[in-house]
């Protein structure tokens, strides 16, 4: 009996199931009918089309597979551009810790992907006393830009 339980515990980490991202304060979450791979590709293309840059990409899916663990598609895509960076840095050095702002693409149990992100105005909210109305305006512009990227990517 102990042997069987030990085997179950050893096998348990080889598969992690998908979880739905629940709506939460300051986040936008969009379920799509697209596949994970297609949505990642479309987010990358929409980012460039909206004059933003892909600064970082990270996800545990490939590394987990190399370890024999199967998990659903999971990618974080950091998006920003130098124009926003220079302007924000001029308003709040501390606020730049938040750049790049990230899109999060996840794969659900049925293979359909979800796109989520924290709204830039939410991300930069802790720095508004320091950055003032100018930072608020830039964050609102970033909100619009991220919404445009998402709208294009999920179509």
C-alpha atoms as a PDB file:
ATOM      1  CA  UNK A   1       0.000   0.000   0.000  1.00  0.00           C
ATOM      2  CA  UNK A   2       2.792   2.455   0.849  1.00  0.00           C
ATOM      3  CA  UNK A   3       4.450   1.630  -2.446  1.00  0.00           C
ATOM      4  CA  UNK A   4       1.265   2.502  -4.360  1.00  0.00           C
ATOM      5  CA  UNK A   5       0.886   5.804  -2.505  1.00  0.00           C
ATOM      6  CA  UNK A   6       4.513   6.681  -3.154  1.00  0.00           C
ATOM      7  CA  UNK A   7       4.000   6.005  -6.875  1.00  0.00           C
ATOM      8  CA  UNK A   8       0.922   8.230  -6.943  1.00  0.00           C
ATOM      9  CA  UNK A   9       2.834  11.088  -5.319  1.00  0.00           C
ATOM     10  CA  UNK A  10       5.658  10.692  -7.800  1.00  0.00           C
ATOM     11  CA  UNK A  11       3.289  10.746 -10.759  1.00  0.00           C
ATOM     12  CA  UNK A  12       1.115  13.581  -9.473  1.00  0.00           C
ATOM     13  CA  UNK A  13       3.452  16.427 -10.503  1.00  0.00           C
ATOM     14  CA  UNK A  14       3.709  15.212 -14.103  1.00  0.00           C
ATOM     15  CA  UNK A  15       0.532  17.031 -15.101  1.00  0.00           C
ATOM     16  CA  UNK A  16      -0.839  20.352 -13.960  1.00  0.00           C
ATOM     17  CA  UNK A  17      -4.339  21.274 -15.005  1.00  0.00           C
ATOM     18  CA  UNK A  18      -5.345  24.619 -16.433  1.00  0.00           C
ATOM     19  CA  UNK A  19      -7.010  27.145 -14.237  1.00  0.00           C
ATOM     20  CA  UNK A  20      -9.195  29.985 -15.369  1.00  0.00           C
ATOM     21  CA  UNK A  21      -7.991  33.461 -14.531  1.00  0.00           C
ATOM     22  CA  UNK A  22     -10.749  35.058 -12.519  1.00  0.00           C
ATOM     23  CA  UNK A  23     -11.527  38.733 -12.993  1.00  0.00           C
ATOM     24  CA  UNK A  24      -9.802  40.846 -10.372  1.00  0.00           C
ATOM     25  CA  UNK A  25      -9.313  44.501  -9.579  1.00  0.00           C
ATOM     26  CA  UNK A  26      -7.270  46.293 -12.224  1.00  0.00           C
ATOM     27  CA  UNK A  27      -7.136  43.336 -14.622  1.00  0.00           C
ATOM     28  CA  UNK A  28      -8.756  42.757 -17.985  1.00  0.00           C
ATOM     29  CA  UNK A  29      -9.437  39.095 -18.804  1.00  0.00           C
ATOM     30  CA  UNK A  30     -10.679  38.030 -22.250  1.00  0.00           C
ATOM     31  CA  UNK A  31     -11.558  34.418 -23.026  1.00  0.00           C
ATOM     32  CA  UNK A  32     -11.104  33.611 -26.713  1.00  0.00           C
ATOM     33  CA  UNK A  33     -11.845  30.779 -29.105  1.00  0.00           C
ATOM     34  CA  UNK A  34      -8.272  30.932 -30.402  1.00  0.00           C
ATOM     35  CA  UNK A  35      -5.653  28.322 -29.719  1.00  0.00           C
ATOM     36  CA  UNK A  36      -2.854  29.203 -27.339  1.00  0.00           C
ATOM     37  CA  UNK A  37      -0.216  29.286 -30.107  1.00  0.00           C
ATOM     38  CA  UNK A  38      -2.408  31.444 -32.340  1.00  0.00           C
ATOM     39  CA  UNK A  39      -3.166  33.946 -29.586  1.00  0.00           C
ATOM     40  CA  UNK A  40       0.523  34.275 -28.668  1.00  0.00           C
ATOM     41  CA  UNK A  41       1.340  34.923 -32.334  1.00  0.00           C
ATOM     42  CA  UNK A  42      -1.488  37.443 -32.649  1.00  0.00           C
ATOM     43  CA  UNK A  43      -0.464  39.338 -29.489  1.00  0.00           C
ATOM     44  CA  UNK A  44       3.081  39.646 -30.831  1.00  0.00           C
ATOM     45  CA  UNK A  45       1.843  40.931 -34.202  1.00  0.00           C
ATOM     46  CA  UNK A  46      -0.681  43.337 -32.636  1.00  0.00           C
ATOM     47  CA  UNK A  47       2.004  44.724 -30.329  1.00  0.00           C
ATOM     48  CA  UNK A  48       4.186  45.705 -33.274  1.00  0.00           C
ATOM     49  CA  UNK A  49       1.205  47.022 -35.243  1.00  0.00           C
ATOM     50  CA  UNK A  50       0.376  49.339 -32.327  1.00  0.00           C
ATOM     51  CA  UNK A  51       3.888  50.794 -32.168  1.00  0.00           C
ATOM     52  CA  UNK A  52       4.926  48.991 -29.013  1.00  0.00           C
ATOM     53  CA  UNK A  53       7.792  46.569 -28.551  1.00  0.00           C
ATOM     54  CA  UNK A  54       7.984  43.066 -27.166  1.00  0.00           C
ATOM     55  CA  UNK A  55      10.596  43.525 -24.460  1.00  0.00           C
ATOM     56  CA  UNK A  56      10.403  40.127 -22.746  1.00  0.00           C
ATOM     57  CA  UNK A  57       8.773  36.732 -23.118  1.00  0.00           C
ATOM     58  CA  UNK A  58       8.726  34.000 -20.528  1.00  0.00           C
ATOM     59  CA  UNK A  59       6.738  30.889 -19.847  1.00  0.00           C
ATOM     60  CA  UNK A  60       7.204  27.639 -17.983  1.00  0.00           C
ATOM     61  CA  UNK A  61       5.564  25.338 -20.540  1.00  0.00           C
ATOM     62  CA  UNK A  62       8.664  24.325 -22.523  1.00  0.00           C
ATOM     63  CA  UNK A  63      10.945  24.038 -19.495  1.00  0.00           C
ATOM     64  CA  UNK A  64       8.343  21.940 -17.678  1.00  0.00           C
ATOM     65  CA  UNK A  65       8.052  19.619 -20.687  1.00  0.00           C
ATOM     66  CA  UNK A  66      11.821  19.154 -20.658  1.00  0.00           C
ATOM     67  CA  UNK A  67      11.434  17.958 -17.055  1.00  0.00           C
ATOM     68  CA  UNK A  68       8.645  15.540 -18.006  1.00  0.00           C
ATOM     69  CA  UNK A  69       5.871  17.731 -16.654  1.00  0.00           C
ATOM     70  CA  UNK A  70       2.928  18.564 -18.873  1.00  0.00           C
ATOM     71  CA  UNK A  71       1.284  21.913 -18.234  1.00  0.00           C
ATOM     72  CA  UNK A  72      -1.027  24.011 -20.385  1.00  0.00           C
ATOM     73  CA  UNK A  73       0.402  26.807 -22.519  1.00  0.00           C
ATOM     74  CA  UNK A  74       1.437  29.752 -20.405  1.00  0.00           C
ATOM     75  CA  UNK A  75       3.277  32.840 -21.692  1.00  0.00           C
ATOM     76  CA  UNK A  76       3.987  36.262 -20.228  1.00  0.00           C
ATOM     77  CA  UNK A  77       4.756  38.903 -22.859  1.00  0.00           C
ATOM     78  CA  UNK A  78       6.335  42.142 -21.620  1.00  0.00           C
ATOM     79  CA  UNK A  79       5.348  45.128 -23.753  1.00  0.00           C
ATOM     80  CA  UNK A  80       6.612  48.717 -23.703  1.00  0.00           C
ATOM     81  CA  UNK A  81       8.417  51.277 -25.847  1.00  0.00           C
ATOM     82  CA  UNK A  82      11.207  53.762 -25.306  1.00  0.00           C
ATOM     83  CA  UNK A  83       9.030  56.846 -25.787  1.00  0.00           C
ATOM     84  CA  UNK A  84       6.840  55.887 -22.819  1.00  0.00           C
ATOM     85  CA  UNK A  85       9.889  54.774 -20.825  1.00  0.00           C
ATOM     86  CA  UNK A  86      11.702  58.103 -21.172  1.00  0.00           C
ATOM     87  CA  UNK A  87       8.583  60.118 -20.335  1.00  0.00           C
ATOM     88  CA  UNK A  88       7.690  58.017 -17.300  1.00  0.00           C
ATOM     89  CA  UNK A  89      11.266  58.013 -16.057  1.00  0.00           C
ATOM     90  CA  UNK A  90      11.178  61.813 -16.154  1.00  0.00           C
ATOM     91  CA  UNK A  91       8.165  61.754 -13.832  1.00  0.00           C
ATOM     92  CA  UNK A  92       8.983  58.921 -11.434  1.00  0.00           C
ATOM     93  CA  UNK A  93      12.161  56.901 -11.302  1.00  0.00           C
ATOM     94  CA  UNK A  94      10.438  54.381  -9.032  1.00  0.00           C
ATOM     95  CA  UNK A  95       7.595  53.818 -11.518  1.00  0.00           C
ATOM     96  CA  UNK A  96       9.968  52.321 -14.080  1.00  0.00           C
ATOM     97  CA  UNK A  97      10.206  49.152 -11.979  1.00  0.00           C
ATOM     98  CA  UNK A  98       6.799  48.328 -13.486  1.00  0.00           C
ATOM     99  CA  UNK A  99       8.010  48.345 -17.094  1.00  0.00           C
ATOM    100  CA  UNK A 100       7.463  46.405 -19.197  1.00  0.00           C
ATOM    101  CA  UNK A 101       3.792  45.864 -18.565  1.00  0.00           C
ATOM    102  CA  UNK A 102       2.775  42.315 -19.337  1.00  0.00           C
ATOM    103  CA  UNK A 103       0.174  40.448 -21.292  1.00  0.00           C
ATOM    104  CA  UNK A 104      -0.557  36.950 -19.997  1.00  0.00           C
ATOM    105  CA  UNK A 105      -1.674  34.229 -22.422  1.00  0.00           C
ATOM    106  CA  UNK A 106      -2.951  31.005 -20.895  1.00  0.00           C
ATOM    107  CA  UNK A 107      -4.337  27.798 -22.365  1.00  0.00           C
ATOM    108  CA  UNK A 108      -7.549  26.352 -20.963  1.00  0.00           C
ATOM    109  CA  UNK A 109      -8.610  22.723 -20.668  1.00  0.00           C
ATOM    110  CA  UNK A 110     -10.341  22.823 -24.059  1.00  0.00           C
ATOM    111  CA  UNK A 111      -7.276  24.258 -25.790  1.00  0.00           C
ATOM    112  CA  UNK A 112      -8.780  27.725 -26.052  1.00  0.00           C
ATOM    113  CA  UNK A 113      -6.649  30.625 -24.874  1.00  0.00           C
ATOM    114  CA  UNK A 114      -7.284  33.530 -22.551  1.00  0.00           C
ATOM    115  CA  UNK A 115      -5.619  36.932 -22.733  1.00  0.00           C
ATOM    116  CA  UNK A 116      -5.175  38.911 -19.525  1.00  0.00           C
ATOM    117  CA  UNK A 117      -3.274  41.983 -18.394  1.00  0.00           C
ATOM    118  CA  UNK A 118      -3.134  44.496 -15.615  1.00  0.00           C
ATOM    119  CA  UNK A 119      -4.289  47.880 -16.825  1.00  0.00           C
ATOM    120  CA  UNK A 120      -1.355  50.299 -16.961  1.00  0.00           C
ATOM    121  CA  UNK A 121      -3.334  52.876 -14.951  1.00  0.00           C
ATOM    122  CA  UNK A 122      -3.660  50.247 -12.209  1.00  0.00           C
ATOM    123  CA  UNK A 123       0.012  49.296 -12.432  1.00  0.00           C
ATOM    124  CA  UNK A 124       1.179  52.903 -12.153  1.00  0.00           C
ATOM    125  CA  UNK A 125      -1.387  53.963  -9.518  1.00  0.00           C
ATOM    126  CA  UNK A 126       1.078  53.713  -6.594  1.00  0.00           C
ATOM    127  CA  UNK A 127       3.288  56.336  -8.263  1.00  0.00           C
ATOM    128  CA  UNK A 128       0.645  58.967  -9.029  1.00  0.00           C
ATOM    129  CA  UNK A 129       1.549  61.163  -6.051  1.00  0.00           C
ATOM    130  CA  UNK A 130       5.069  61.359  -7.433  1.00  0.00           C
ATOM    131  CA  UNK A 131       4.237  61.538 -11.164  1.00  0.00           C
ATOM    132  CA  UNK A 132       1.092  63.633 -10.937  1.00  0.00           C
ATOM    133  CA  UNK A 133      -1.331  64.349 -13.753  1.00  0.00           C
ATOM    134  CA  UNK A 134       1.341  63.776 -16.396  1.00  0.00           C
ATOM    135  CA  UNK A 135       1.862  60.178 -15.226  1.00  0.00           C
ATOM    136  CA  UNK A 136      -1.885  59.693 -15.063  1.00  0.00           C
ATOM    137  CA  UNK A 137      -2.166  60.875 -18.676  1.00  0.00           C
ATOM    138  CA  UNK A 138       0.606  58.529 -19.830  1.00  0.00           C
ATOM    139  CA  UNK A 139      -0.997  55.616 -17.995  1.00  0.00           C
ATOM    140  CA  UNK A 140      -4.320  56.394 -19.711  1.00  0.00           C
ATOM    141  CA  UNK A 141      -2.543  56.435 -23.090  1.00  0.00           C
ATOM    142  CA  UNK A 142      -1.023  53.059 -22.246  1.00  0.00           C
ATOM    143  CA  UNK A 143      -4.469  51.759 -21.235  1.00  0.00           C
ATOM    144  CA  UNK A 144      -5.702  52.720 -24.703  1.00  0.00           C
ATOM    145  CA  UNK A 145      -2.674  51.165 -26.401  1.00  0.00           C
ATOM    146  CA  UNK A 146      -3.005  47.873 -24.481  1.00  0.00           C
ATOM    147  CA  UNK A 147      -6.720  47.725 -25.244  1.00  0.00           C
ATOM    148  CA  UNK A 148      -5.976  48.287 -28.944  1.00  0.00           C
ATOM    149  CA  UNK A 149      -3.391  45.495 -28.915  1.00  0.00           C
ATOM    150  CA  UNK A 150      -5.818  43.143 -27.182  1.00  0.00           C
ATOM    151  CA  UNK A 151      -8.714  44.036 -29.506  1.00  0.00           C
ATOM    152  CA  UNK A 152      -6.552  43.298 -32.541  1.00  0.00           C
ATOM    153  CA  UNK A 153      -5.130  40.101 -31.067  1.00  0.00           C
ATOM    154  CA  UNK A 154      -8.433  38.509 -30.057  1.00  0.00           C
ATOM    155  CA  UNK A 155     -10.225  39.186 -33.378  1.00  0.00           C
END
